[in-house]
């Protein structure tokens, strides 16, 4: 399960539902973009046949493009994401879907104002995917922006993107709250 928000959220859920014999998997891989997710989707998702699926993707699609290591666009990101969810819903029609918004906190290491509004195009694409499929959408950017009222971005993330323990807990709380 790793040691981030998925681990913390899983702990809360397993504690609250100890008698149900739940199985929780984390198949997230650091640095992946939607194309890599698609390549491993059969084994990492469809073969498991989950009842609930949570996806947080998009920051690397933007970041790697920004750094010149990827040629994608927000439109391609959206189309690939749609294709991924369409194929998933075709195989798992009763799947409960939770989609997390990619986020970044300004003024922490490399993240600055220049990241926006391009990142916002990826965020809007993610929200549109959630709307299209009736998924629960977790607005992590809004959640972290609110958290900046109590502590600086460096408290919540190590580099504007990767969360600290406090940032992971903030995400886990939002995820558990979003779970229906």
C-alpha atoms as a PDB file:
ATOM      1  CA  UNK A   1       0.000   0.000   0.000  1.00  0.00           C
ATOM      2  CA  UNK A   2       2.981   2.344   0.119  1.00  0.00           C
ATOM      3  CA  UNK A   3       3.261   4.952   2.850  1.00  0.00           C
ATOM      4  CA  UNK A   4       1.136   7.825   1.510  1.00  0.00           C
ATOM      5  CA  UNK A   5      -2.532   8.719   1.520  1.00  0.00           C
ATOM      6  CA  UNK A   6      -3.641   5.315   0.193  1.00  0.00           C
ATOM      7  CA  UNK A   7      -1.968   3.599   3.152  1.00  0.00           C
ATOM      8  CA  UNK A   8      -3.553   5.992   5.652  1.00  0.00           C
ATOM      9  CA  UNK A   9      -7.012   5.783   4.060  1.00  0.00           C
ATOM     10  CA  UNK A  10      -6.785   1.989   3.923  1.00  0.00           C
ATOM     11  CA  UNK A  11      -5.949   1.874   7.624  1.00  0.00           C
ATOM     12  CA  UNK A  12      -9.026   3.910   8.492  1.00  0.00           C
ATOM     13  CA  UNK A  13     -11.292   1.786   6.312  1.00  0.00           C
ATOM     14  CA  UNK A  14      -9.911  -1.542   7.509  1.00  0.00           C
ATOM     15  CA  UNK A  15     -10.241  -0.418  11.123  1.00  0.00           C
ATOM     16  CA  UNK A  16     -13.862   0.682  10.676  1.00  0.00           C
ATOM     17  CA  UNK A  17     -14.850  -2.470   8.784  1.00  0.00           C
ATOM     18  CA  UNK A  18     -12.695  -5.138  10.427  1.00  0.00           C
ATOM     19  CA  UNK A  19     -15.344  -7.859  10.174  1.00  0.00           C
ATOM     20  CA  UNK A  20     -15.878  -7.489   6.414  1.00  0.00           C
ATOM     21  CA  UNK A  21     -12.653  -9.076   5.156  1.00  0.00           C
ATOM     22  CA  UNK A  22     -11.923  -6.218   2.788  1.00  0.00           C
ATOM     23  CA  UNK A  23      -8.934  -6.280   0.453  1.00  0.00           C
ATOM     24  CA  UNK A  24      -7.308  -3.008  -0.532  1.00  0.00           C
ATOM     25  CA  UNK A  25      -4.684  -2.626  -3.233  1.00  0.00           C
ATOM     26  CA  UNK A  26      -2.515   0.321  -4.233  1.00  0.00           C
ATOM     27  CA  UNK A  27      -1.233   0.028  -7.780  1.00  0.00           C
ATOM     28  CA  UNK A  28       0.036   3.593  -8.081  1.00  0.00           C
ATOM     29  CA  UNK A  29       3.529   3.958  -9.538  1.00  0.00           C
ATOM     30  CA  UNK A  30       5.460   7.172  -9.068  1.00  0.00           C
ATOM     31  CA  UNK A  31       6.063   9.030 -12.300  1.00  0.00           C
ATOM     32  CA  UNK A  32       3.349   7.289 -14.298  1.00  0.00           C
ATOM     33  CA  UNK A  33       1.153   9.059 -16.790  1.00  0.00           C
ATOM     34  CA  UNK A  34      -2.108   7.826 -18.313  1.00  0.00           C
ATOM     35  CA  UNK A  35      -0.340   5.870 -21.110  1.00  0.00           C
ATOM     36  CA  UNK A  36       1.619   3.812 -18.547  1.00  0.00           C
ATOM     37  CA  UNK A  37      -1.561   3.258 -16.565  1.00  0.00           C
ATOM     38  CA  UNK A  38      -3.253   1.946 -19.712  1.00  0.00           C
ATOM     39  CA  UNK A  39      -0.373  -0.454 -20.416  1.00  0.00           C
ATOM     40  CA  UNK A  40      -0.707  -2.196 -17.065  1.00  0.00           C
ATOM     41  CA  UNK A  41      -4.462  -1.767 -16.547  1.00  0.00           C
ATOM     42  CA  UNK A  42      -5.531  -5.347 -17.286  1.00  0.00           C
ATOM     43  CA  UNK A  43      -3.246  -6.827 -14.638  1.00  0.00           C
ATOM     44  CA  UNK A  44      -3.314  -4.002 -12.101  1.00  0.00           C
ATOM     45  CA  UNK A  45      -7.039  -3.269 -12.195  1.00  0.00           C
ATOM     46  CA  UNK A  46      -9.345  -5.367 -14.332  1.00  0.00           C
ATOM     47  CA  UNK A  47      -7.941  -8.726 -13.203  1.00  0.00           C
ATOM     48  CA  UNK A  48      -8.608  -7.750  -9.583  1.00  0.00           C
ATOM     49  CA  UNK A  49     -12.264  -6.888 -10.359  1.00  0.00           C
ATOM     50  CA  UNK A  50     -12.556  -4.150  -7.740  1.00  0.00           C
ATOM     51  CA  UNK A  51     -15.874  -2.944  -6.346  1.00  0.00           C
ATOM     52  CA  UNK A  52     -14.381   0.506  -5.776  1.00  0.00           C
ATOM     53  CA  UNK A  53     -11.681   2.094  -7.900  1.00  0.00           C
ATOM     54  CA  UNK A  54      -9.809   5.257  -7.008  1.00  0.00           C
ATOM     55  CA  UNK A  55      -7.576   7.012  -9.525  1.00  0.00           C
ATOM     56  CA  UNK A  56      -5.228   9.943  -8.979  1.00  0.00           C
ATOM     57  CA  UNK A  57      -3.374  10.688 -12.210  1.00  0.00           C
ATOM     58  CA  UNK A  58      -2.427  13.741 -14.214  1.00  0.00           C
ATOM     59  CA  UNK A  59       0.328  15.602 -12.425  1.00  0.00           C
ATOM     60  CA  UNK A  60       3.044  13.695 -14.286  1.00  0.00           C
ATOM     61  CA  UNK A  61       1.217  14.126 -17.590  1.00  0.00           C
ATOM     62  CA  UNK A  62       1.596  17.872 -17.020  1.00  0.00           C
ATOM     63  CA  UNK A  63       4.970  17.938 -15.237  1.00  0.00           C
ATOM     64  CA  UNK A  64       6.770  15.726 -17.756  1.00  0.00           C
ATOM     65  CA  UNK A  65       5.383  17.814 -20.619  1.00  0.00           C
ATOM     66  CA  UNK A  66       6.539  20.966 -18.861  1.00  0.00           C
ATOM     67  CA  UNK A  67      10.045  19.534 -18.487  1.00  0.00           C
ATOM     68  CA  UNK A  68      10.160  18.506 -22.156  1.00  0.00           C
ATOM     69  CA  UNK A  69      10.114  14.771 -21.404  1.00  0.00           C
ATOM     70  CA  UNK A  70       6.644  14.114 -22.817  1.00  0.00           C
ATOM     71  CA  UNK A  71       4.632  15.403 -25.756  1.00  0.00           C
ATOM     72  CA  UNK A  72       1.101  15.032 -24.365  1.00  0.00           C
ATOM     73  CA  UNK A  73      -1.568  17.708 -24.096  1.00  0.00           C
ATOM     74  CA  UNK A  74      -4.576  18.278 -21.825  1.00  0.00           C
ATOM     75  CA  UNK A  75      -6.812  17.153 -24.697  1.00  0.00           C
ATOM     76  CA  UNK A  76      -4.877  13.907 -25.203  1.00  0.00           C
ATOM     77  CA  UNK A  77      -4.878  13.367 -21.443  1.00  0.00           C
ATOM     78  CA  UNK A  78      -8.666  13.733 -21.400  1.00  0.00           C
ATOM     79  CA  UNK A  79      -9.200  11.394 -24.370  1.00  0.00           C
ATOM     80  CA  UNK A  80      -6.879   8.728 -22.939  1.00  0.00           C
ATOM     81  CA  UNK A  81      -8.528   8.988 -19.521  1.00  0.00           C
ATOM     82  CA  UNK A  82     -11.988   8.656 -21.102  1.00  0.00           C
ATOM     83  CA  UNK A  83     -10.870   5.583 -23.065  1.00  0.00           C
ATOM     84  CA  UNK A  84      -9.455   4.014 -19.898  1.00  0.00           C
ATOM     85  CA  UNK A  85     -12.658   4.531 -17.917  1.00  0.00           C
ATOM     86  CA  UNK A  86     -14.940   3.487 -20.793  1.00  0.00           C
ATOM     87  CA  UNK A  87     -13.131   0.164 -21.137  1.00  0.00           C
ATOM     88  CA  UNK A  88     -13.168  -0.285 -17.370  1.00  0.00           C
ATOM     89  CA  UNK A  89     -16.891   0.427 -17.047  1.00  0.00           C
ATOM     90  CA  UNK A  90     -17.610  -1.952 -19.944  1.00  0.00           C
ATOM     91  CA  UNK A  91     -15.966  -4.757 -18.000  1.00  0.00           C
ATOM     92  CA  UNK A  92     -17.025  -3.621 -14.511  1.00  0.00           C
ATOM     93  CA  UNK A  93     -20.374  -1.825 -14.969  1.00  0.00           C
ATOM     94  CA  UNK A  94     -21.207  -1.642 -11.244  1.00  0.00           C
ATOM     95  CA  UNK A  95     -17.852  -0.176 -10.290  1.00  0.00           C
ATOM     96  CA  UNK A  96     -17.878   2.731  -7.830  1.00  0.00           C
ATOM     97  CA  UNK A  97     -15.380   5.236  -9.166  1.00  0.00           C
ATOM     98  CA  UNK A  98     -13.477   7.888  -7.206  1.00  0.00           C
ATOM     99  CA  UNK A  99     -11.335  10.343  -9.154  1.00  0.00           C
ATOM    100  CA  UNK A 100      -8.801  12.567  -7.438  1.00  0.00           C
ATOM    101  CA  UNK A 101      -7.730  15.888  -8.875  1.00  0.00           C
ATOM    102  CA  UNK A 102      -4.037  16.369  -9.621  1.00  0.00           C
ATOM    103  CA  UNK A 103      -2.661  19.253  -7.574  1.00  0.00           C
ATOM    104  CA  UNK A 104       0.411  21.372  -6.979  1.00  0.00           C
ATOM    105  CA  UNK A 105       1.288  23.886  -4.273  1.00  0.00           C
ATOM    106  CA  UNK A 106       2.964  27.091  -5.395  1.00  0.00           C
ATOM    107  CA  UNK A 107       6.186  28.388  -3.912  1.00  0.00           C
ATOM    108  CA  UNK A 108       7.507  24.992  -2.891  1.00  0.00           C
ATOM    109  CA  UNK A 109      10.685  24.159  -4.812  1.00  0.00           C
ATOM    110  CA  UNK A 110      10.017  24.056  -8.581  1.00  0.00           C
ATOM    111  CA  UNK A 111       6.291  24.820  -8.404  1.00  0.00           C
ATOM    112  CA  UNK A 112       5.544  28.472  -9.068  1.00  0.00           C
ATOM    113  CA  UNK A 113       2.879  30.644 -10.674  1.00  0.00           C
ATOM    114  CA  UNK A 114       4.052  29.606 -14.151  1.00  0.00           C
ATOM    115  CA  UNK A 115       2.575  26.132 -13.569  1.00  0.00           C
ATOM    116  CA  UNK A 116      -0.854  27.689 -13.790  1.00  0.00           C
ATOM    117  CA  UNK A 117      -3.126  27.958 -15.813  1.00  0.00           C
ATOM    118  CA  UNK A 118      -1.781  24.998 -17.869  1.00  0.00           C
ATOM    119  CA  UNK A 119      -2.101  22.649 -14.885  1.00  0.00           C
ATOM    120  CA  UNK A 120      -5.659  23.890 -14.451  1.00  0.00           C
ATOM    121  CA  UNK A 121      -6.475  22.484 -17.903  1.00  0.00           C
ATOM    122  CA  UNK A 122      -5.462  19.014 -16.672  1.00  0.00           C
ATOM    123  CA  UNK A 123      -7.458  19.543 -13.492  1.00  0.00           C
ATOM    124  CA  UNK A 124     -10.547  20.553 -15.473  1.00  0.00           C
ATOM    125  CA  UNK A 125     -10.090  17.521 -17.730  1.00  0.00           C
ATOM    126  CA  UNK A 126     -10.016  15.292 -14.652  1.00  0.00           C
ATOM    127  CA  UNK A 127     -13.194  16.862 -13.309  1.00  0.00           C
ATOM    128  CA  UNK A 128     -14.882  16.401 -16.697  1.00  0.00           C
ATOM    129  CA  UNK A 129     -13.947  12.700 -16.660  1.00  0.00           C
ATOM    130  CA  UNK A 130     -15.509  12.344 -13.213  1.00  0.00           C
ATOM    131  CA  UNK A 131     -18.672  14.146 -14.321  1.00  0.00           C
ATOM    132  CA  UNK A 132     -18.989  12.064 -17.479  1.00  0.00           C
ATOM    133  CA  UNK A 133     -18.952   8.802 -15.544  1.00  0.00           C
ATOM    134  CA  UNK A 134     -20.818   9.927 -12.423  1.00  0.00           C
ATOM    135  CA  UNK A 135     -17.693   9.394 -10.343  1.00  0.00           C
ATOM    136  CA  UNK A 136     -17.022  10.936  -6.978  1.00  0.00           C
ATOM    137  CA  UNK A 137     -14.559  13.773  -7.551  1.00  0.00           C
ATOM    138  CA  UNK A 138     -12.069  14.802  -4.869  1.00  0.00           C
ATOM    139  CA  UNK A 139     -10.920  18.418  -5.426  1.00  0.00           C
ATOM    140  CA  UNK A 140      -7.447  18.078  -3.945  1.00  0.00           C
ATOM    141  CA  UNK A 141      -6.310  21.482  -5.236  1.00  0.00           C
ATOM    142  CA  UNK A 142      -9.124  23.196  -3.336  1.00  0.00           C
ATOM    143  CA  UNK A 143      -8.440  21.082  -0.248  1.00  0.00           C
ATOM    144  CA  UNK A 144      -4.752  21.999  -0.229  1.00  0.00           C
ATOM    145  CA  UNK A 145      -5.456  25.654  -1.010  1.00  0.00           C
ATOM    146  CA  UNK A 146      -7.665  25.740   2.101  1.00  0.00           C
ATOM    147  CA  UNK A 147      -4.937  23.984   4.104  1.00  0.00           C
ATOM    148  CA  UNK A 148      -2.503  26.756   3.141  1.00  0.00           C
ATOM    149  CA  UNK A 149      -4.484  28.998   5.493  1.00  0.00           C
ATOM    150  CA  UNK A 150      -3.047  27.031   8.421  1.00  0.00           C
ATOM    151  CA  UNK A 151       0.453  26.087   7.236  1.00  0.00           C
ATOM    152  CA  UNK A 152       2.748  26.786   4.265  1.00  0.00           C
ATOM    153  CA  UNK A 153       3.000  24.519   1.229  1.00  0.00           C
ATOM    154  CA  UNK A 154       6.267  23.055   2.505  1.00  0.00           C
ATOM    155  CA  UNK A 155       4.340  21.678   5.488  1.00  0.00           C
ATOM    156  CA  UNK A 156       1.978  19.754   3.191  1.00  0.00           C
ATOM    157  CA  UNK A 157       4.403  18.746   0.415  1.00  0.00           C
ATOM    158  CA  UNK A 158       8.121  18.206   0.037  1.00  0.00           C
ATOM    159  CA  UNK A 159       8.320  19.745  -3.430  1.00  0.00           C
ATOM    160  CA  UNK A 160       4.895  21.176  -4.220  1.00  0.00           C
ATOM    161  CA  UNK A 161       3.602  17.795  -5.396  1.00  0.00           C
ATOM    162  CA  UNK A 162       4.744  14.888  -3.212  1.00  0.00           C
ATOM    163  CA  UNK A 163       3.001  14.992   0.137  1.00  0.00           C
ATOM    164  CA  UNK A 164       4.486  14.978   3.594  1.00  0.00           C
ATOM    165  CA  UNK A 165       2.857  12.863   6.290  1.00  0.00           C
ATOM    166  CA  UNK A 166       0.516  15.769   7.093  1.00  0.00           C
ATOM    167  CA  UNK A 167      -0.358  16.184   3.414  1.00  0.00           C
ATOM    168  CA  UNK A 168      -0.982  12.465   3.047  1.00  0.00           C
ATOM    169  CA  UNK A 169      -3.279  12.529   6.068  1.00  0.00           C
ATOM    170  CA  UNK A 170      -5.180  15.483   4.605  1.00  0.00           C
ATOM    171  CA  UNK A 171      -5.695  13.509   1.398  1.00  0.00           C
ATOM    172  CA  UNK A 172      -6.678  10.351   3.288  1.00  0.00           C
ATOM    173  CA  UNK A 173      -9.303  12.262   5.271  1.00  0.00           C
ATOM    174  CA  UNK A 174     -10.781  13.666   2.060  1.00  0.00           C
ATOM    175  CA  UNK A 175     -10.753  10.240   0.420  1.00  0.00           C
ATOM    176  CA  UNK A 176     -12.486   8.482   3.313  1.00  0.00           C
ATOM    177  CA  UNK A 177     -15.063  11.278   3.456  1.00  0.00           C
ATOM    178  CA  UNK A 178     -15.702  10.865  -0.288  1.00  0.00           C
ATOM    179  CA  UNK A 179     -16.241   7.112   0.030  1.00  0.00           C
ATOM    180  CA  UNK A 180     -19.937   6.307  -0.116  1.00  0.00           C
END
